[in-house]
PDB file of N, CA and C in Angstrom:
ATOM      1  N   MET A   1      69.172 162.443 106.887  1.00  0.00           N
ATOM      2  CA  MET A   1      68.052 161.817 107.578  1.00  0.00           C
ATOM      3  C   MET A   1      67.690 162.666 108.790  1.00  0.00           C
ATOM      4  N   LYS A   2      66.401 162.811 109.037  1.00  0.00           N
ATOM      5  CA  LYS A   2      65.914 163.655 110.120  1.00  0.00           C
ATOM      6  C   LYS A   2      65.642 162.853 111.385  1.00  0.00           C
ATOM      7  N   THR A   3      66.601 162.039 111.795  1.00  0.00           N
ATOM      8  CA  THR A   3      66.421 161.242 113.002  1.00  0.00           C
ATOM      9  C   THR A   3      66.164 162.133 114.196  1.00  0.00           C
ATOM     10  N   HIS A   4      66.925 163.206 114.314  1.00  0.00           N
ATOM     11  CA  HIS A   4      66.803 164.083 115.474  1.00  0.00           C
ATOM     12  C   HIS A   4      65.429 164.742 115.559  1.00  0.00           C
ATOM     13  N   ALA A   5      64.801 165.014 114.434  1.00  0.00           N
ATOM     14  CA  ALA A   5      63.516 165.716 114.430  1.00  0.00           C
ATOM     15  C   ALA A   5      62.373 164.846 114.935  1.00  0.00           C
ATOM     16  N   TYR A   6      62.459 163.547 114.736  1.00  0.00           N
ATOM     17  CA  TYR A   6      61.341 162.669 115.055  1.00  0.00           C
ATOM     18  C   TYR A   6      61.612 161.708 116.209  1.00  0.00           C
ATOM     19  N   LEU A   7      62.844 161.627 116.662  1.00  0.00           N
ATOM     20  CA  LEU A   7      63.241 160.639 117.672  1.00  0.00           C
ATOM     21  C   LEU A   7      62.347 160.670 118.906  1.00  0.00           C
ATOM     22  N   THR A   8      62.178 161.824 119.512  1.00  0.00           N
ATOM     23  CA  THR A   8      61.398 161.921 120.747  1.00  0.00           C
ATOM     24  C   THR A   8      59.943 161.563 120.508  1.00  0.00           C
ATOM     25  N   THR A   9      59.379 162.018 119.411  1.00  0.00           N
ATOM     26  CA  THR A   9      57.974 161.726 119.121  1.00  0.00           C
ATOM     27  C   THR A   9      57.765 160.238 118.874  1.00  0.00           C
ATOM     28  N   ILE A  10      58.655 159.611 118.119  1.00  0.00           N
ATOM     29  CA  ILE A  10      58.541 158.174 117.860  1.00  0.00           C
ATOM     30  C   ILE A  10      58.683 157.388 119.162  1.00  0.00           C
ATOM     31  N   ARG A  11      59.611 157.792 120.013  1.00  0.00           N
ATOM     32  CA  ARG A  11      59.755 157.128 121.319  1.00  0.00           C
ATOM     33  C   ARG A  11      58.470 157.227 122.124  1.00  0.00           C
ATOM     34  N   ASP A  12      57.878 158.409 122.167  1.00  0.00           N
ATOM     35  CA  ASP A  12      56.631 158.603 122.909  1.00  0.00           C
ATOM     36  C   ASP A  12      55.498 157.763 122.326  1.00  0.00           C
ATOM     37  N   ILE A  13      55.417 157.711 121.011  1.00  0.00           N
ATOM     38  CA  ILE A  13      54.363 156.939 120.338  1.00  0.00           C
ATOM     39  C   ILE A  13      54.488 155.449 120.668  1.00  0.00           C
ATOM     40  N   CYS A  14      55.719 154.942 120.713  1.00  0.00           N
ATOM     41  CA  CYS A  14      55.949 153.506 120.915  1.00  0.00           C
ATOM     42  C   CYS A  14      55.959 153.089 122.382  1.00  0.00           C
ATOM     43  N   ASP A  15      55.924 154.044 123.290  1.00  0.00           N
ATOM     44  CA  ASP A  15      55.981 153.732 124.716  1.00  0.00           C
ATOM     45  C   ASP A  15      54.706 153.006 125.153  1.00  0.00           C
ATOM     46  N   GLY A  16      54.849 151.739 125.523  1.00  0.00           N
ATOM     47  CA  GLY A  16      53.721 150.944 126.005  1.00  0.00           C
ATOM     48  C   GLY A  16      52.858 150.339 124.912  1.00  0.00           C
ATOM     49  N   HIS A  17      53.335 150.390 123.663  1.00  0.00           N
ATOM     50  CA  HIS A  17      52.546 149.860 122.539  1.00  0.00           C
ATOM     51  C   HIS A  17      53.413 148.988 121.645  1.00  0.00           C
ATOM     52  N   HIS A  18      52.777 148.074 120.952  1.00  0.00           N
ATOM     53  CA  HIS A  18      53.416 147.261 119.918  1.00  0.00           C
ATOM     54  C   HIS A  18      52.793 147.719 118.604  1.00  0.00           C
ATOM     55  N   LEU A  19      53.545 148.474 117.792  1.00  0.00           N
ATOM     56  CA  LEU A  19      52.975 149.121 116.611  1.00  0.00           C
ATOM     57  C   LEU A  19      53.773 148.801 115.348  1.00  0.00           C
ATOM     58  N   THR A  20      53.077 148.760 114.218  1.00  0.00           N
ATOM     59  CA  THR A  20      53.748 148.651 112.925  1.00  0.00           C
ATOM     60  C   THR A  20      54.279 150.031 112.548  1.00  0.00           C
ATOM     61  N   VAL A  21      55.167 150.073 111.570  1.00  0.00           N
ATOM     62  CA  VAL A  21      55.688 151.366 111.113  1.00  0.00           C
ATOM     63  C   VAL A  21      54.553 152.215 110.555  1.00  0.00           C
ATOM     64  N   ASP A  22      53.592 151.599 109.871  1.00  0.00           N
ATOM     65  CA  ASP A  22      52.456 152.356 109.342  1.00  0.00           C
ATOM     66  C   ASP A  22      51.645 153.008 110.461  1.00  0.00           C
ATOM     67  N   GLU A  23      51.464 152.293 111.563  1.00  0.00           N
ATOM     68  CA  GLU A  23      50.746 152.864 112.706  1.00  0.00           C
ATOM     69  C   GLU A  23      51.551 153.999 113.338  1.00  0.00           C
ATOM     70  N   ILE A  24      52.862 153.818 113.444  1.00  0.00           N
ATOM     71  CA  ILE A  24      53.729 154.872 113.975  1.00  0.00           C
ATOM     72  C   ILE A  24      53.661 156.091 113.060  1.00  0.00           C
ATOM     73  N   PHE A  25      53.732 155.860 111.758  1.00  0.00           N
ATOM     74  CA  PHE A  25      53.675 156.949 110.776  1.00  0.00           C
ATOM     75  C   PHE A  25      52.367 157.732 110.897  1.00  0.00           C
ATOM     76  N   ALA A  26      51.255 157.037 111.009  1.00  0.00           N
ATOM     77  CA  ALA A  26      49.948 157.718 111.113  1.00  0.00           C
ATOM     78  C   ALA A  26      49.893 158.604 112.356  1.00  0.00           C
ATOM     79  N   LYS A  27      50.418 158.110 113.471  1.00  0.00           N
ATOM     80  CA  LYS A  27      50.421 158.901 114.708  1.00  0.00           C
ATOM     81  C   LYS A  27      51.410 160.067 114.615  1.00  0.00           C
ATOM     82  N   LEU A  28      52.557 159.826 113.995  1.00  0.00           N
ATOM     83  CA  LEU A  28      53.567 160.867 113.851  1.00  0.00           C
ATOM     84  C   LEU A  28      53.074 162.008 112.959  1.00  0.00           C
ATOM     85  N   LYS A  29      52.316 161.676 111.916  1.00  0.00           N
ATOM     86  CA  LYS A  29      51.799 162.694 110.987  1.00  0.00           C
ATOM     87  C   LYS A  29      50.903 163.701 111.704  1.00  0.00           C
ATOM     88  N   LYS A  30      50.266 163.292 112.788  1.00  0.00           N
ATOM     89  CA  LYS A  30      49.419 164.220 113.545  1.00  0.00           C
ATOM     90  C   LYS A  30      50.251 165.302 114.230  1.00  0.00           C
ATOM     91  N   VAL A  31      51.482 164.960 114.571  1.00  0.00           N
ATOM     92  CA  VAL A  31      52.379 165.902 115.254  1.00  0.00           C
ATOM     93  C   VAL A  31      53.297 166.605 114.250  1.00  0.00           C
ATOM     94  N   HIS A  32      53.761 165.841 113.259  1.00  0.00           N
ATOM     95  CA  HIS A  32      54.674 166.362 112.226  1.00  0.00           C
ATOM     96  C   HIS A  32      54.040 166.104 110.857  1.00  0.00           C
ATOM     97  N   PRO A  33      53.126 166.969 110.417  1.00  0.00           N
ATOM     98  CA  PRO A  33      52.392 166.729 109.165  1.00  0.00           C
ATOM     99  C   PRO A  33      53.278 166.576 107.921  1.00  0.00           C
ATOM    100  N   LYS A  34      54.467 167.129 107.935  1.00  0.00           N
ATOM    101  CA  LYS A  34      55.337 167.064 106.759  1.00  0.00           C
ATOM    102  C   LYS A  34      56.226 165.823 106.746  1.00  0.00           C
ATOM    103  N   ALA A  35      56.112 164.967 107.747  1.00  0.00           N
ATOM    104  CA  ALA A  35      56.943 163.759 107.815  1.00  0.00           C
ATOM    105  C   ALA A  35      56.643 162.849 106.634  1.00  0.00           C
ATOM    106  N   GLY A  36      57.693 162.309 106.044  1.00  0.00           N
ATOM    107  CA  GLY A  36      57.540 161.374 104.938  1.00  0.00           C
ATOM    108  C   GLY A  36      57.589 159.935 105.432  1.00  0.00           C
ATOM    109  N   ARG A  37      56.847 159.070 104.761  1.00  0.00           N
ATOM    110  CA  ARG A  37      56.785 157.661 105.149  1.00  0.00           C
ATOM    111  C   ARG A  37      58.178 157.018 105.131  1.00  0.00           C
ATOM    112  N   SER A  38      58.962 157.249 104.096  1.00  0.00           N
ATOM    113  CA  SER A  38      60.274 156.606 104.016  1.00  0.00           C
ATOM    114  C   SER A  38      61.204 157.107 105.118  1.00  0.00           C
ATOM    115  N   THR A  39      61.095 158.373 105.487  1.00  0.00           N
ATOM    116  CA  THR A  39      61.911 158.908 106.584  1.00  0.00           C
ATOM    117  C   THR A  39      61.550 158.226 107.890  1.00  0.00           C
ATOM    118  N   VAL A  40      60.255 158.011 108.115  1.00  0.00           N
ATOM    119  CA  VAL A  40      59.818 157.337 109.336  1.00  0.00           C
ATOM    120  C   VAL A  40      60.321 155.895 109.339  1.00  0.00           C
ATOM    121  N   TYR A  41      60.221 155.192 108.218  1.00  0.00           N
ATOM    122  CA  TYR A  41      60.742 153.826 108.122  1.00  0.00           C
ATOM    123  C   TYR A  41      62.231 153.793 108.465  1.00  0.00           C
ATOM    124  N   ARG A  42      63.016 154.708 107.904  1.00  0.00           N
ATOM    125  CA  ARG A  42      64.460 154.737 108.181  1.00  0.00           C
ATOM    126  C   ARG A  42      64.725 155.030 109.649  1.00  0.00           C
ATOM    127  N   ASN A  43      63.983 155.998 110.215  1.00  0.00           N
ATOM    128  CA  ASN A  43      64.168 156.347 111.623  1.00  0.00           C
ATOM    129  C   ASN A  43      63.881 155.158 112.527  1.00  0.00           C
ATOM    130  N   VAL A  44      62.778 154.475 112.277  1.00  0.00           N
ATOM    131  CA  VAL A  44      62.384 153.346 113.122  1.00  0.00           C
ATOM    132  C   VAL A  44      63.416 152.223 113.013  1.00  0.00           C
ATOM    133  N   GLU A  45      63.893 151.931 111.826  1.00  0.00           N
ATOM    134  CA  GLU A  45      64.904 150.885 111.656  1.00  0.00           C
ATOM    135  C   GLU A  45      66.202 151.272 112.362  1.00  0.00           C
ATOM    136  N   GLU A  46      66.626 152.511 112.232  1.00  0.00           N
ATOM    137  CA  GLU A  46      67.837 152.966 112.910  1.00  0.00           C
ATOM    138  C   GLU A  46      67.666 152.902 114.434  1.00  0.00           C
ATOM    139  N   MET A  47      66.504 153.282 114.925  1.00  0.00           N
ATOM    140  CA  MET A  47      66.244 153.249 116.367  1.00  0.00           C
ATOM    141  C   MET A  47      66.261 151.816 116.896  1.00  0.00           C
ATOM    142  N   SER A  48      65.829 150.860 116.074  1.00  0.00           N
ATOM    143  CA  SER A  48      65.871 149.462 116.519  1.00  0.00           C
ATOM    144  C   SER A  48      67.306 148.931 116.506  1.00  0.00           C
ATOM    145  N   LYS A  49      68.141 149.420 115.618  1.00  0.00           N
ATOM    146  CA  LYS A  49      69.542 148.980 115.561  1.00  0.00           C
ATOM    147  C   LYS A  49      70.333 149.444 116.780  1.00  0.00           C
ATOM    148  N   ILE A  50      69.960 150.587 117.341  1.00  0.00           N
ATOM    149  CA  ILE A  50      70.689 151.101 118.503  1.00  0.00           C
ATOM    150  C   ILE A  50      69.911 150.841 119.799  1.00  0.00           C
ATOM    151  N   TRP A  51      68.931 149.943 119.749  1.00  0.00           N
ATOM    152  CA  TRP A  51      68.189 149.456 120.911  1.00  0.00           C
ATOM    153  C   TRP A  51      67.296 150.503 121.580  1.00  0.00           C
ATOM    154  N   VAL A  52      66.940 151.548 120.865  1.00  0.00           N
ATOM    155  CA  VAL A  52      65.951 152.491 121.398  1.00  0.00           C
ATOM    156  C   VAL A  52      64.573 151.852 121.271  1.00  0.00           C
ATOM    157  N   LEU A  53      64.355 151.177 120.151  1.00  0.00           N
ATOM    158  CA  LEU A  53      63.118 150.425 119.931  1.00  0.00           C
ATOM    159  C   LEU A  53      63.453 148.945 119.830  1.00  0.00           C
ATOM    160  N   THR A  54      62.518 148.110 120.267  1.00  0.00           N
ATOM    161  CA  THR A  54      62.635 146.664 120.101  1.00  0.00           C
ATOM    162  C   THR A  54      61.752 146.254 118.936  1.00  0.00           C
ATOM    163  N   LYS A  55      62.296 145.435 118.057  1.00  0.00           N
ATOM    164  CA  LYS A  55      61.579 144.976 116.871  1.00  0.00           C
ATOM    165  C   LYS A  55      61.082 143.555 117.095  1.00  0.00           C
ATOM    166  N   ILE A  56      59.780 143.360 116.903  1.00  0.00           N
ATOM    167  CA  ILE A  56      59.164 142.035 116.992  1.00  0.00           C
ATOM    168  C   ILE A  56      58.769 141.657 115.566  1.00  0.00           C
ATOM    169  N   THR A  57      59.286 140.554 115.074  1.00  0.00           N
ATOM    170  CA  THR A  57      59.015 140.169 113.687  1.00  0.00           C
ATOM    171  C   THR A  57      57.929 139.106 113.591  1.00  0.00           C
ATOM    172  N   TRP A  58      57.434 138.897 112.376  1.00  0.00           N
ATOM    173  CA  TRP A  58      56.484 137.852 111.992  1.00  0.00           C
ATOM    174  C   TRP A  58      55.020 138.244 112.128  1.00  0.00           C
ATOM    175  N   ILE A  59      54.672 139.248 112.860  1.00  0.00           N
ATOM    176  CA  ILE A  59      53.276 139.589 113.080  1.00  0.00           C
ATOM    177  C   ILE A  59      52.677 140.125 111.792  1.00  0.00           C
ATOM    178  N   GLN A  60      51.665 139.447 111.289  1.00  0.00           N
ATOM    179  CA  GLN A  60      50.965 139.859 110.073  1.00  0.00           C
ATOM    180  C   GLN A  60      51.950 140.166 108.939  1.00  0.00           C
ATOM    181  N   GLU A  61      53.064 139.463 108.930  1.00  0.00           N
ATOM    182  CA  GLU A  61      54.123 139.665 107.952  1.00  0.00           C
ATOM    183  C   GLU A  61      54.725 141.063 108.031  1.00  0.00           C
ATOM    184  N   LYS A  62      54.451 141.785 109.108  1.00  0.00           N
ATOM    185  CA  LYS A  62      55.041 143.091 109.350  1.00  0.00           C
ATOM    186  C   LYS A  62      55.667 143.065 110.732  1.00  0.00           C
ATOM    187  N   ALA A  63      56.709 143.854 110.902  1.00  0.00           N
ATOM    188  CA  ALA A  63      57.338 143.947 112.215  1.00  0.00           C
ATOM    189  C   ALA A  63      56.541 144.892 113.103  1.00  0.00           C
ATOM    190  N   LEU A  64      56.603 144.629 114.392  1.00  0.00           N
ATOM    191  CA  LEU A  64      56.048 145.542 115.385  1.00  0.00           C
ATOM    192  C   LEU A  64      57.209 146.138 116.157  1.00  0.00           C
ATOM    193  N   TYR A  65      57.024 147.353 116.627  1.00  0.00           N
ATOM    194  CA  TYR A  65      58.060 148.044 117.386  1.00  0.00           C
ATOM    195  C   TYR A  65      57.490 148.536 118.702  1.00  0.00           C
ATOM    196  N   GLU A  66      58.342 148.547 119.718  1.00  0.00           N
ATOM    197  CA  GLU A  66      57.984 149.106 121.012  1.00  0.00           C
ATOM    198  C   GLU A  66      59.206 149.791 121.588  1.00  0.00           C
ATOM    199  N   LEU A  67      58.978 150.720 122.505  1.00  0.00           N
ATOM    200  CA  LEU A  67      60.080 151.365 123.183  1.00  0.00           C
ATOM    201  C   LEU A  67      60.803 150.315 124.017  1.00  0.00           C
ATOM    202  N   THR A  68      62.119 150.235 123.890  1.00  0.00           N
ATOM    203  CA  THR A  68      62.903 149.252 124.630  1.00  0.00           C
ATOM    204  C   THR A  68      62.879 149.607 126.112  1.00  0.00           C
ATOM    205  N   ARG A  69      62.435 148.675 126.906  1.00  0.00           N
ATOM    206  CA  ARG A  69      62.329 148.867 128.358  1.00  0.00           C
ATOM    207  C   ARG A  69      63.020 147.714 129.052  1.00  0.00           C
ATOM    208  N   ASP A  70      62.528 147.354 130.221  1.00  0.00           N
ATOM    209  CA  ASP A  70      63.078 146.222 130.958  1.00  0.00           C
ATOM    210  C   ASP A  70      62.932 144.936 130.143  1.00  0.00           C
ATOM    211  N   ASN A  71      63.792 143.972 130.455  1.00  0.00           N
ATOM    212  CA  ASN A  71      63.721 142.676 129.781  1.00  0.00           C
ATOM    213  C   ASN A  71      62.366 142.033 130.015  1.00  0.00           C
ATOM    214  N   HIS A  72      61.782 141.517 128.954  1.00  0.00           N
ATOM    215  CA  HIS A  72      60.520 140.801 129.052  1.00  0.00           C
ATOM    216  C   HIS A  72      60.373 139.875 127.854  1.00  0.00           C
ATOM    217  N   ILE A  73      59.426 138.987 127.968  1.00  0.00           N
ATOM    218  CA  ILE A  73      59.139 138.026 126.905  1.00  0.00           C
ATOM    219  C   ILE A  73      57.844 138.451 126.226  1.00  0.00           C
ATOM    220  N   HIS A  74      57.807 138.332 124.908  1.00  0.00           N
ATOM    221  CA  HIS A  74      56.585 138.606 124.171  1.00  0.00           C
ATOM    222  C   HIS A  74      55.814 137.302 123.967  1.00  0.00           C
ATOM    223  N   LEU A  75      54.581 137.273 124.425  1.00  0.00           N
ATOM    224  CA  LEU A  75      53.678 136.155 124.154  1.00  0.00           C
ATOM    225  C   LEU A  75      52.773 136.606 123.016  1.00  0.00           C
ATOM    226  N   ILE A  76      52.843 135.903 121.890  1.00  0.00           N
ATOM    227  CA  ILE A  76      52.131 136.310 120.689  1.00  0.00           C
ATOM    228  C   ILE A  76      51.092 135.252 120.344  1.00  0.00           C
ATOM    229  N   ASP A  77      49.827 135.644 120.391  1.00  0.00           N
ATOM    230  CA  ASP A  77      48.724 134.738 120.066  1.00  0.00           C
ATOM    231  C   ASP A  77      48.677 134.589 118.548  1.00  0.00           C
ATOM    232  N   THR A  78      48.898 133.377 118.042  1.00  0.00           N
ATOM    233  CA  THR A  78      48.942 133.162 116.595  1.00  0.00           C
ATOM    234  C   THR A  78      47.575 133.236 115.940  1.00  0.00           C
ATOM    235  N   ASP A  79      46.503 133.173 116.722  1.00  0.00           N
ATOM    236  CA  ASP A  79      45.164 133.315 116.149  1.00  0.00           C
ATOM    237  C   ASP A  79      44.754 134.778 116.023  1.00  0.00           C
ATOM    238  N   THR A  80      44.956 135.562 117.085  1.00  0.00           N
ATOM    239  CA  THR A  80      44.516 136.958 117.095  1.00  0.00           C
ATOM    240  C   THR A  80      45.648 137.939 116.802  1.00  0.00           C
ATOM    241  N   LEU A  81      46.892 137.474 116.847  1.00  0.00           N
ATOM    242  CA  LEU A  81      48.097 138.288 116.673  1.00  0.00           C
ATOM    243  C   LEU A  81      48.275 139.323 117.773  1.00  0.00           C
ATOM    244  N   GLU A  82      47.590 139.126 118.895  1.00  0.00           N
ATOM    245  CA  GLU A  82      47.743 140.002 120.051  1.00  0.00           C
ATOM    246  C   GLU A  82      49.077 139.698 120.724  1.00  0.00           C
ATOM    247  N   VAL A  83      49.757 140.751 121.180  1.00  0.00           N
ATOM    248  CA  VAL A  83      51.047 140.604 121.846  1.00  0.00           C
ATOM    249  C   VAL A  83      50.889 141.003 123.303  1.00  0.00           C
ATOM    250  N   LYS A  84      51.322 140.119 124.190  1.00  0.00           N
ATOM    251  CA  LYS A  84      51.320 140.391 125.626  1.00  0.00           C
ATOM    252  C   LYS A  84      52.763 140.380 126.111  1.00  0.00           C
ATOM    253  N   ASP A  85      53.068 141.234 127.064  1.00  0.00           N
ATOM    254  CA  ASP A  85      54.396 141.253 127.662  1.00  0.00           C
ATOM    255  C   ASP A  85      54.385 140.433 128.942  1.00  0.00           C
ATOM    256  N   LEU A  86      55.398 139.601 129.119  1.00  0.00           N
ATOM    257  CA  LEU A  86      55.553 138.787 130.314  1.00  0.00           C
ATOM    258  C   LEU A  86      56.846 139.204 130.996  1.00  0.00           C
ATOM    259  N   ASP A  87      56.744 139.693 132.213  1.00  0.00           N
ATOM    260  CA  ASP A  87      57.888 140.141 132.990  1.00  0.00           C
ATOM    261  C   ASP A  87      58.769 138.941 133.334  1.00  0.00           C
ATOM    262  N   ILE A  88      60.065 139.028 133.073  1.00  0.00           N
ATOM    263  CA  ILE A  88      60.953 137.885 133.334  1.00  0.00           C
ATOM    264  C   ILE A  88      61.372 137.780 134.790  1.00  0.00           C
ATOM    265  N   ASP A  89      61.068 138.781 135.607  1.00  0.00           N
ATOM    266  CA  ASP A  89      61.437 138.702 137.026  1.00  0.00           C
ATOM    267  C   ASP A  89      60.745 137.543 137.726  1.00  0.00           C
ATOM    268  N   ASN A  90      59.615 137.110 137.198  1.00  0.00           N
ATOM    269  CA  ASN A  90      58.850 136.028 137.813  1.00  0.00           C
ATOM    270  C   ASN A  90      59.130 134.673 137.171  1.00  0.00           C
ATOM    271  N   ILE A  91      60.138 134.605 136.315  1.00  0.00           N
ATOM    272  CA  ILE A  91      60.442 133.367 135.605  1.00  0.00           C
ATOM    273  C   ILE A  91      61.744 132.787 136.133  1.00  0.00           C
ATOM    274  N   ASN A  92      61.702 131.529 136.499  1.00  0.00           N
ATOM    275  CA  ASN A  92      62.896 130.825 136.950  1.00  0.00           C
ATOM    276  C   ASN A  92      63.452 130.015 135.781  1.00  0.00           C
ATOM    277  N   ILE A  93      64.685 130.302 135.396  1.00  0.00           N
ATOM    278  CA  ILE A  93      65.328 129.567 134.314  1.00  0.00           C
ATOM    279  C   ILE A  93      66.449 128.745 134.950  1.00  0.00           C
ATOM    280  N   PRO A  94      66.189 127.468 135.247  1.00  0.00           N
ATOM    281  CA  PRO A  94      67.126 126.669 136.042  1.00  0.00           C
ATOM    282  C   PRO A  94      68.480 126.412 135.375  1.00  0.00           C
ATOM    283  N   TRP A  95      68.576 126.465 134.079  1.00  0.00           N
ATOM    284  CA  TRP A  95      69.836 126.146 133.420  1.00  0.00           C
ATOM    285  C   TRP A  95      70.795 127.327 133.335  1.00  0.00           C
ATOM    286  N   ILE A  96      70.388 128.525 133.808  1.00  0.00           N
ATOM    287  CA  ILE A  96      71.298 129.667 133.829  1.00  0.00           C
ATOM    288  C   ILE A  96      72.148 129.577 135.103  1.00  0.00           C
ATOM    289  N   PRO A  97      73.469 129.650 134.991  1.00  0.00           N
ATOM    290  CA  PRO A  97      74.346 129.554 136.173  1.00  0.00           C
ATOM    291  C   PRO A  97      74.014 130.623 137.213  1.00  0.00           C
ATOM    292  N   TYR A  98      74.243 130.312 138.477  1.00  0.00           N
ATOM    293  CA  TYR A  98      73.873 131.215 139.571  1.00  0.00           C
ATOM    294  C   TYR A  98      74.618 132.551 139.499  1.00  0.00           C
ATOM    295  N   ASN A  99      75.822 132.575 138.931  1.00  0.00           N
ATOM    296  CA  ASN A  99      76.609 133.799 138.878  1.00  0.00           C
ATOM    297  C   ASN A  99      76.495 134.518 137.532  1.00  0.00           C
ATOM    298  N   PHE A 100      75.471 134.205 136.770  1.00  0.00           N
ATOM    299  CA  PHE A 100      75.251 134.782 135.453  1.00  0.00           C
ATOM    300  C   PHE A 100      74.172 135.846 135.545  1.00  0.00           C
ATOM    301  N   SER A 101      74.444 137.026 135.015  1.00  0.00           N
ATOM    302  CA  SER A 101      73.482 138.121 135.027  1.00  0.00           C
ATOM    303  C   SER A 101      73.023 138.395 133.598  1.00  0.00           C
ATOM    304  N   VAL A 102      71.730 138.424 133.371  1.00  0.00           N
ATOM    305  CA  VAL A 102      71.180 138.680 132.048  1.00  0.00           C
ATOM    306  C   VAL A 102      71.186 140.188 131.804  1.00  0.00           C
ATOM    307  N   ASP A 103      71.927 140.639 130.791  1.00  0.00           N
ATOM    308  CA  ASP A 103      71.941 142.054 130.430  1.00  0.00           C
ATOM    309  C   ASP A 103      70.782 142.396 129.512  1.00  0.00           C
ATOM    310  N   TYR A 104      70.507 141.512 128.571  1.00  0.00           N
ATOM    311  CA  TYR A 104      69.415 141.742 127.633  1.00  0.00           C
ATOM    312  C   TYR A 104      68.832 140.404 127.230  1.00  0.00           C
ATOM    313  N   LEU A 105      67.519 140.339 127.159  1.00  0.00           N
ATOM    314  CA  LEU A 105      66.825 139.122 126.773  1.00  0.00           C
ATOM    315  C   LEU A 105      65.795 139.480 125.715  1.00  0.00           C
ATOM    316  N   ASN A 106      65.788 138.737 124.620  1.00  0.00           N
ATOM    317  CA  ASN A 106      64.820 138.980 123.562  1.00  0.00           C
ATOM    318  C   ASN A 106      64.205 137.638 123.196  1.00  0.00           C
ATOM    319  N   VAL A 107      63.009 137.373 123.707  1.00  0.00           N
ATOM    320  CA  VAL A 107      62.335 136.104 123.466  1.00  0.00           C
ATOM    321  C   VAL A 107      60.915 136.391 122.997  1.00  0.00           C
ATOM    322  N   ASP A 108      60.541 135.770 121.893  1.00  0.00           N
ATOM    323  CA  ASP A 108      59.170 135.835 121.404  1.00  0.00           C
ATOM    324  C   ASP A 108      58.601 134.426 121.446  1.00  0.00           C
ATOM    325  N   VAL A 109      57.461 134.261 122.100  1.00  0.00           N
ATOM    326  CA  VAL A 109      56.811 132.955 122.203  1.00  0.00           C
ATOM    327  C   VAL A 109      55.491 133.037 121.438  1.00  0.00           C
ATOM    328  N   TYR A 110      55.317 132.175 120.447  1.00  0.00           N
ATOM    329  CA  TYR A 110      54.097 132.156 119.651  1.00  0.00           C
ATOM    330  C   TYR A 110      53.209 131.041 120.173  1.00  0.00           C
ATOM    331  N   TRP A 111      51.947 131.357 120.443  1.00  0.00           N
ATOM    332  CA  TRP A 111      51.060 130.421 121.105  1.00  0.00           C
ATOM    333  C   TRP A 111      49.639 130.614 120.629  1.00  0.00           C
ATOM    334  N   LYS A 112      48.797 129.667 120.998  1.00  0.00           N
ATOM    335  CA  LYS A 112      47.348 129.798 120.806  1.00  0.00           C
ATOM    336  C   LYS A 112      46.654 128.964 121.863  1.00  0.00           C
ATOM    337  N   PHE A 113      45.457 129.384 122.211  1.00  0.00           N
ATOM    338  CA  PHE A 113      44.680 128.626 123.178  1.00  0.00           C
ATOM    339  C   PHE A 113      44.237 127.323 122.544  1.00  0.00           C
ATOM    340  N   ILE A 114      44.296 126.213 123.327  1.00  0.00           N
ATOM    341  CA  ILE A 114      43.822 124.921 122.789  1.00  0.00           C
ATOM    342  C   ILE A 114      42.698 124.387 123.649  1.00  0.00           C
TER     343      ILE A 114
END
């Protein structure tokens, strides 16, 4: 597997974006024209397993990926499928003990305007 050949490019592509593997593949092909779709799929899945990428599931029955950054919550509009990031620094969670430190948080909230 050519993880090393595409790792940096895939990270750059996913930085600040929520993308499907097909979208990542299309962008990667512009930089690495010989890249194969299955290789990109394997790379993206491996990168999500080691927390380089964060995987968001359920969107259009396809997963979305983003570069793993600071802890945040995904707000997903179920009508438009738009994903917004919500910084957790501004969220008070009263049931977490005062001496508890969150190392990693992965929360997806599905919503729609009413």
